[in-house]
Protein backbone atom coordinates (compact mmCIF):
# COMPACT_ATOMS: atom_id res chain seq x y z
CA MET A 1 72.08 59.85 77.76
CA LYS A 2 73.61 62.43 79.99
CA HIS A 3 71.87 62.66 83.41
CA ILE A 4 72.07 66.11 85.16
CA GLN A 5 70.93 66.55 88.80
CA ILE A 6 70.44 70.19 90.16
CA VAL A 7 70.76 69.80 93.99
CA LEU A 8 68.33 71.89 96.02
CA PHE A 9 68.57 72.66 99.75
CA ASP A 10 66.45 74.81 101.95
CA GLY A 11 67.24 78.50 101.32
CA PHE A 12 68.64 77.77 97.98
CA ASP A 13 68.93 80.81 95.34
CA LEU A 14 65.97 80.40 92.71
CA LEU A 15 68.04 81.75 89.74
CA ASP A 16 71.08 79.84 90.62
CA ALA A 17 69.01 76.56 89.91
CA LEU A 18 66.33 77.22 87.49
CA ALA A 19 68.31 79.38 84.93
CA PRO A 20 70.46 76.08 84.31
CA TYR A 21 67.51 73.95 84.40
CA GLU A 22 65.81 75.85 81.64
CA VAL A 23 68.86 75.90 79.77
CA PHE A 24 69.47 72.09 79.90
CA TYR A 25 65.77 71.28 79.31
CA ALA A 26 65.84 73.48 76.05
CA ALA A 27 68.88 71.78 75.06
CA ALA A 28 67.45 68.38 75.68
CA MET A 29 64.69 69.42 72.92
CA TYR A 30 67.25 70.36 70.47
CA ALA A 31 69.52 67.06 71.03
CA ASP A 32 66.64 64.55 70.85
CA ASP A 33 66.72 63.94 74.58
CA ALA A 34 70.41 63.37 74.54
CA ILE A 35 70.35 64.78 78.21
CA HIS A 36 67.95 64.56 81.16
CA VAL A 37 67.47 67.19 83.96
CA GLU A 38 65.96 66.84 87.29
CA LEU A 39 65.84 68.50 90.45
CA VAL A 40 66.99 66.54 93.70
CA THR A 41 67.99 66.74 97.21
CA ALA A 42 70.30 64.95 99.44
CA GLU A 43 67.34 63.71 101.59
CA GLY A 44 65.20 62.73 98.36
CA PRO A 45 61.89 63.68 97.06
CA ARG A 46 60.50 66.60 98.81
CA HIS A 47 59.37 70.37 98.62
CA VAL A 48 62.12 72.69 99.14
CA THR A 49 61.92 76.26 100.48
CA SER A 50 63.95 78.69 98.47
CA GLY A 51 65.50 81.67 100.18
CA THR A 52 63.71 83.83 97.86
CA ASN A 53 60.53 85.03 99.47
CA GLY A 54 59.99 81.36 100.76
CA LEU A 55 58.88 80.01 97.50
CA ARG A 56 58.84 76.40 97.44
CA ILE A 57 59.79 74.08 94.59
CA GLU A 58 59.53 70.35 94.52
CA ALA A 59 62.44 68.15 94.22
CA THR A 60 61.52 64.83 92.52
CA GLY A 61 64.81 62.86 93.12
CA THR A 62 67.67 61.93 95.50
CA LEU A 63 71.22 63.36 95.05
CA ASN A 64 73.20 60.10 93.65
CA PRO A 65 76.57 60.67 92.64
CA GLU A 66 76.87 57.22 91.05
CA GLN A 67 73.90 57.83 88.59
CA ALA A 68 74.72 61.65 87.90
CA ASP A 69 76.97 62.56 85.04
CA ILE A 70 76.72 66.20 86.10
CA ILE A 71 75.73 67.76 89.47
CA LEU A 72 74.98 71.31 89.75
CA VAL A 73 75.21 73.06 93.14
CA PRO A 74 73.58 76.48 93.49
CA GLY A 75 74.25 79.26 96.08
CA ALA A 76 71.93 80.50 98.85
CA SER A 77 69.55 83.43 98.87
CA GLY A 78 69.46 85.28 102.11
CA LYS A 79 70.96 88.40 104.09
CA VAL A 80 74.78 89.24 103.54
CA GLU A 81 75.40 90.98 106.71
CA GLY A 82 74.61 90.01 110.18
CA ASP A 83 74.68 86.75 111.88
CA GLY A 84 71.15 85.37 112.10
CA PRO A 85 69.83 82.03 110.70
CA ASP A 86 68.64 83.69 107.61
CA THR A 87 72.12 84.77 106.39
CA VAL A 88 74.01 83.22 103.57
CA PRO A 89 76.72 82.00 105.71
CA ALA A 90 74.22 80.19 107.93
CA ILE A 91 72.23 78.76 105.08
CA LEU A 92 75.42 77.44 103.48
CA ASN A 93 76.57 75.75 106.64
CA ARG A 94 73.21 74.22 107.21
CA ALA A 95 73.24 72.99 103.64
CA MET A 96 76.74 71.74 104.33
CA GLN A 97 75.65 69.44 107.51
CA THR A 98 73.35 67.51 105.13
CA GLY A 99 74.68 64.56 103.00
CA LEU A 100 75.16 67.05 100.03
CA THR A 101 78.88 67.49 100.84
CA SER A 102 79.71 64.01 101.15
CA ARG A 103 77.88 62.89 97.99
CA VAL A 104 79.54 65.81 96.04
CA GLU A 105 83.08 64.92 97.44
CA LYS A 106 82.41 61.33 96.28
CA ALA A 107 81.17 62.73 92.86
CA LEU A 108 84.63 64.71 92.52
CA LYS A 109 86.56 61.46 92.89
CA GLN A 110 84.95 59.89 90.07
CA PRO A 111 86.68 60.65 86.92
CA ASP A 112 83.38 60.55 84.74
CA THR A 113 81.44 62.94 86.80
CA ILE A 114 81.27 66.68 86.49
CA VAL A 115 80.35 68.97 89.42
CA VAL A 116 79.24 72.31 88.58
CA THR A 117 78.36 75.45 90.77
CA VAL A 118 76.64 78.53 90.43
CA CYS A 119 77.30 81.84 92.64
CA GLY A 120 77.69 80.69 96.25
CA GLY A 121 77.49 76.95 95.30
CA SER A 122 81.22 76.95 95.25
CA LEU A 123 81.42 78.45 98.80
CA LEU A 124 79.16 75.63 100.02
CA LEU A 125 81.82 73.06 98.80
CA ALA A 126 84.78 75.17 99.82
CA MET A 127 83.42 75.39 103.27
CA GLY A 128 83.04 71.72 103.40
CA GLY A 129 86.82 71.36 102.39
CA LEU A 130 86.29 70.25 98.88
CA LEU A 131 88.04 72.96 96.90
CA GLU A 132 91.28 73.23 98.47
CA GLY A 133 93.94 73.81 95.66
CA ARG A 134 91.19 74.06 92.97
CA SER A 135 90.56 77.03 90.69
CA ALA A 136 87.14 78.61 91.30
CA VAL A 137 85.04 81.49 91.25
CA THR A 138 82.06 82.42 93.22
CA HIS A 139 79.95 85.89 93.46
CA HIS A 140 82.41 88.74 93.72
CA MET A 141 81.32 89.49 97.45
CA GLY A 142 82.50 86.07 98.35
CA MET A 143 86.09 85.90 96.61
CA GLU A 144 87.95 86.71 99.84
CA VAL A 145 85.97 83.98 101.71
CA LEU A 146 86.76 81.53 98.83
CA GLY A 147 90.33 82.32 99.01
CA ALA A 148 90.28 81.81 102.88
CA THR A 149 89.01 78.26 102.25
CA GLY A 150 92.24 77.17 100.42
CA ALA A 151 90.62 77.26 97.01
CA MET A 152 92.48 79.33 94.34
CA PRO A 153 90.13 82.23 93.39
CA VAL A 154 90.02 83.25 89.60
CA GLN A 155 88.38 86.49 88.40
CA ALA A 156 86.25 85.06 85.65
CA ARG A 157 82.58 84.40 84.58
CA VAL A 158 83.22 80.70 84.30
CA VAL A 159 86.21 78.79 85.54
CA ASP A 160 86.82 75.30 84.13
CA ASP A 161 88.99 73.25 86.46
CA GLY A 162 88.47 69.74 84.74
CA ASN A 163 85.73 67.99 86.61
CA LEU A 164 84.92 71.18 88.41
CA ILE A 165 83.07 73.80 86.64
CA THR A 166 82.35 77.10 88.62
CA GLY A 167 80.33 80.35 87.73
CA GLY A 168 80.28 83.70 89.19
CA GLY A 169 77.61 85.69 90.38
CA VAL A 170 73.76 84.81 90.18
CA THR A 171 73.29 85.39 86.49
CA SER A 172 76.28 83.24 85.50
CA GLY A 173 74.02 80.19 86.16
CA LEU A 174 72.74 80.91 82.16
CA ASP A 175 76.60 81.03 81.18
CA VAL A 176 77.63 77.95 83.28
CA ALA A 177 74.75 75.88 81.74
CA LEU A 178 75.45 77.21 78.19
CA TYR A 179 79.04 76.34 78.47
CA MET A 180 78.27 72.85 79.70
CA VAL A 181 75.92 72.41 76.70
CA GLU A 182 78.63 73.40 74.29
CA ARG A 183 81.24 71.31 76.06
CA GLU A 184 78.95 68.19 76.22
CA LEU A 185 76.83 68.29 73.11
CA GLY A 186 78.69 70.75 70.87
CA PRO A 187 78.32 74.40 69.90
CA ARG A 188 75.33 74.01 67.53
CA ILE A 189 73.18 73.03 70.23
CA ALA A 190 74.41 75.58 72.47
CA HIS A 191 73.99 78.28 69.81
CA ALA A 192 70.38 77.18 69.17
CA VAL A 193 69.59 77.45 72.95
CA GLU A 194 71.18 81.04 72.90
CA GLN A 195 68.90 81.87 69.91
CA LEU A 196 65.74 80.56 71.84
CA PHE A 197 66.44 82.46 74.96
CA GLU A 198 67.78 85.38 72.78
CA TYR A 199 70.93 85.34 75.05
CA GLU A 200 74.51 85.21 74.35
CA ARG A 201 76.96 83.64 76.87
CA ARG A 202 79.03 86.25 78.47
CA GLY A 203 82.98 86.18 79.29
CA THR A 204 85.52 83.69 78.49
CA ALA A 205 85.61 80.36 80.27
CA TRP A 206 88.98 80.52 82.12
CA ARG A 207 90.99 77.31 81.97
CA ASN A 208 94.74 76.67 83.28
CA THR A 209 95.91 75.94 79.71
CA GLY A 210 97.70 77.98 77.09
CA MET A 211 100.26 80.58 77.13
CA PRO A 212 100.31 82.65 80.59
CA PRO A 213 99.82 86.55 80.15
CA VAL A 214 102.86 88.45 81.12
CA GLN A 215 102.68 90.47 84.06
CA SER A 216 104.93 93.55 83.65
CA ALA A 217 104.64 96.74 85.49
CA PRO A 218 104.28 99.94 83.60
CA SER A 219 107.54 101.88 82.59
CA GLU A 220 108.31 105.43 84.19
CA GLU A 221 107.51 107.25 81.29
CA LYS A 222 103.97 105.47 80.74
CA ARG A 223 103.23 105.89 84.51
CA ASP A 224 103.94 109.57 84.38
CA MET A 225 101.50 109.72 81.44
CA HIS A 226 98.77 108.44 83.54
CA GLU A 227 99.27 110.09 86.72
CA PRO A 228 97.36 113.42 87.31
CA ALA A 229 99.49 116.50 87.39
CA VAL A 230 99.74 117.87 90.97
CA THR A 231 98.04 121.38 91.54
CA ALA A 232 99.65 124.08 93.64
CA GLN A 233 96.74 123.50 96.16
CA GLN A 234 97.42 119.58 96.31
CA ALA A 235 101.27 120.41 96.84
CA ALA A 236 100.18 122.69 99.63
CA ILE A 237 98.33 120.12 101.23
CA ASN A 238 100.84 117.48 100.85
CA GLN A 239 103.35 119.62 102.60
CA GLU A 240 101.09 120.20 105.64
CA PRO A 241 102.56 118.83 108.68
CA ALA A 242 100.97 115.49 109.90
CA ALA A 243 98.25 115.51 112.68
CA THR A 244 99.89 115.31 116.01
CA VAL A 245 99.37 112.36 118.33
CA PRO A 246 97.86 113.27 121.82
CA GLN A 247 100.17 113.15 124.52
CA GLU A 248 97.89 110.52 126.18
CA ALA A 249 98.38 108.25 123.42
CA MET A 250 101.99 108.59 123.33
CA ASN A 251 102.44 108.00 126.99
CA LYS A 252 100.77 104.76 126.61
CA GLU A 253 103.02 101.52 126.99
CA PRO A 254 102.21 98.86 124.37
CA ALA A 255 101.10 95.57 126.07
CA PRO A 256 104.11 93.17 126.66
CA ALA A 257 103.80 89.75 125.03
CA ALA A 258 103.76 88.38 128.68
CA SER A 259 100.33 89.66 128.91
CA PHE A 260 98.82 87.14 126.53
CA VAL A 261 100.95 84.30 128.20
CA GLY A 262 98.77 81.39 129.31
CA GLU A 263 95.82 78.99 128.96
CA TRP A 264 92.77 80.80 127.88
CA ASP A 265 89.29 79.48 127.72
CA THR A 266 87.54 81.34 125.04
CA THR A 267 84.10 81.51 123.14
CA LEU A 268 83.95 82.36 119.38
CA ALA A 269 80.47 83.77 118.44
CA THR A 270 80.24 82.98 114.70
CA PRO A 271 77.57 83.36 112.09
CA VAL A 272 76.67 79.79 112.54
CA GLY A 273 76.94 79.38 116.37
CA LYS A 274 79.03 79.72 119.18
CA LEU A 275 82.47 77.70 119.55
CA GLN A 276 84.53 76.86 122.66
CA VAL A 277 88.13 77.34 121.96
CA ARG A 278 91.18 76.62 124.23
CA LEU A 279 94.15 78.94 123.40
CA SER A 280 97.60 78.12 124.56
CA ILE A 281 100.20 81.11 124.18
CA ALA A 282 103.66 81.15 125.07
CA THR A 283 106.92 83.07 124.45
CA SER A 284 110.49 81.79 123.66
CA ASN A 285 113.40 84.07 123.09
CA GLY A 286 111.07 86.83 122.15
CA ILE A 287 109.03 84.74 119.79
CA ILE A 288 105.38 84.31 120.46
CA ARG A 289 103.79 80.73 119.85
CA GLY A 290 100.62 79.57 120.08
CA LYS A 291 97.85 76.87 119.53
CA ALA A 292 94.13 76.44 119.51
CA VAL A 293 92.28 73.42 120.71
CA GLN A 294 88.60 72.86 119.64
CA GLY A 295 87.03 69.58 120.29
CA ASP A 296 89.58 66.94 118.92
CA GLU A 297 91.26 69.34 116.65
CA THR A 298 94.60 71.22 117.41
CA VAL A 299 95.90 74.12 115.42
CA GLU A 300 99.03 75.98 115.57
CA PHE A 301 98.97 79.80 115.21
CA ILE A 302 100.24 81.08 111.87
CA ASP A 303 102.62 84.16 111.98
CA PRO A 304 101.56 85.60 115.50
CA ILE A 305 102.74 89.12 115.83
CA LEU A 306 102.41 91.70 118.74
CA ASN A 307 101.23 95.06 117.26
CA ASP A 308 100.81 97.82 120.10
CA ASN A 309 98.48 96.41 122.49
CA LYS A 310 96.93 93.75 119.97
CA LEU A 311 98.01 90.18 119.36
CA MET A 312 97.43 89.09 115.74
CA TRP A 313 97.64 85.60 114.17
CA SER A 314 96.19 83.57 111.51
CA LEU A 315 94.48 80.09 112.07
CA ARG A 316 93.24 77.44 109.68
CA ILE A 317 90.12 75.92 111.14
CA THR A 318 88.09 72.91 109.40
CA LYS A 319 85.20 73.33 112.03
CA PRO A 320 82.30 74.00 111.66
CA MET A 321 83.75 74.70 108.28
CA ARG A 322 87.12 74.95 106.36
CA LEU A 323 88.46 78.68 106.92
CA ASN A 324 91.50 80.62 107.22
CA LEU A 325 90.64 83.23 110.06
CA ARG A 326 92.50 86.31 110.95
CA PHE A 327 92.51 87.06 114.70
CA GLU A 328 93.00 90.10 116.62
CA VAL A 329 92.85 90.13 120.36
CA GLU A 330 93.72 92.37 123.50
CA ALA A 331 94.42 91.18 126.98
CA ASP A 332 92.90 93.09 130.12
CA GLY A 333 94.33 91.42 133.11
CA ASN A 334 92.90 87.89 132.91
CA ARG A 335 90.29 88.92 130.37
CA MET A 336 90.82 88.51 126.56
CA SER A 337 88.77 89.90 123.82
CA GLY A 338 88.77 90.32 120.15
CA VAL A 339 87.76 89.27 116.63
CA ALA A 340 88.20 86.78 114.01
CA LYS A 341 87.77 87.57 110.45
CA ALA A 342 87.52 85.82 107.00
CA GLY A 343 86.62 87.81 104.23
CA ILE A 344 83.23 89.59 103.92
CA LEU A 345 81.96 87.09 106.56
CA PRO A 346 80.61 88.83 109.75
CA ALA A 347 83.34 89.26 112.22
CA SER A 348 83.24 86.65 114.95
CA LYS A 349 83.65 88.08 118.39
CA LEU A 350 85.97 86.37 120.62
CA ALA A 351 85.74 86.63 124.42
CA GLY A 352 87.58 84.61 127.42
CA GLU A 353 89.36 84.37 130.52
CA ARG A 354 92.83 83.17 131.50
CA ILE A 355 92.69 79.81 133.47
CA SER A 356 96.48 79.55 134.23
């Protein structure tokens, strides 16, 4: 008998979890109970408050990677914008701080256990550092963030990366579960469930096998056929002189690299709390170098460049979650201000002072 555990956490999305639950339960009826599905949490049996209007669902078991053949992780339901405690990033971060991440990590190391995610469930695992180098998908609004964690985003309804199966948006839970039923129990059982639900699985399940598609640029002739003709009015617009730059802006000298050199004590206000970060910035032969220290972690700047009055660089962090952040800061004397961004996540504001 295949044992399936669907992991709940406070703020989980109802449809992400319950749509697959119904698919697996129906499959069990058609397959003479060849599978068993239960709702669990990392903490054990308890009532779990969903992110959908606070509806509570009872989880009857404990997440156990040694017992489960399939573990399914749903996403979160909450606000997309802002930095409050009820936003999706904050909910996922709290779930990541539980035993969920470490137990799923253990499951991914077991050859006979399959980890399945729906919607933002892949982001939860990715921000915990579990999907680096793995092909995966999530809700379309989170694909940039997924890439920023080191995962390899694939625009597909379902992505099959061996023992990791991921689904896209909220309703993909039906498609992921039906794909798993077909994969584990065969197409006839999956078809019977589709007929019962009056639903046919959407999309192709992407796998990194078979002949790769040829990526060729369209020829000039084909490009000309698809490009709209330029009207006389549009031509006139195109020939208009560019807007003049105000003299004040032209006279403004760009900030030299030296204005950023030094040791900086900064605070990064993220959607999941404030982080104290020490920045060390130096120049050598016109090349800017830097590093960031947070706690016991030291990370080198990636591709720092000076653009007008702003210093920009990328930084790969692992705390409080695994992300590639893009920084953009300005220095005004001994004060620094700016932002750090990763995909659609709310921009984190940076502020600090030079200490040496």
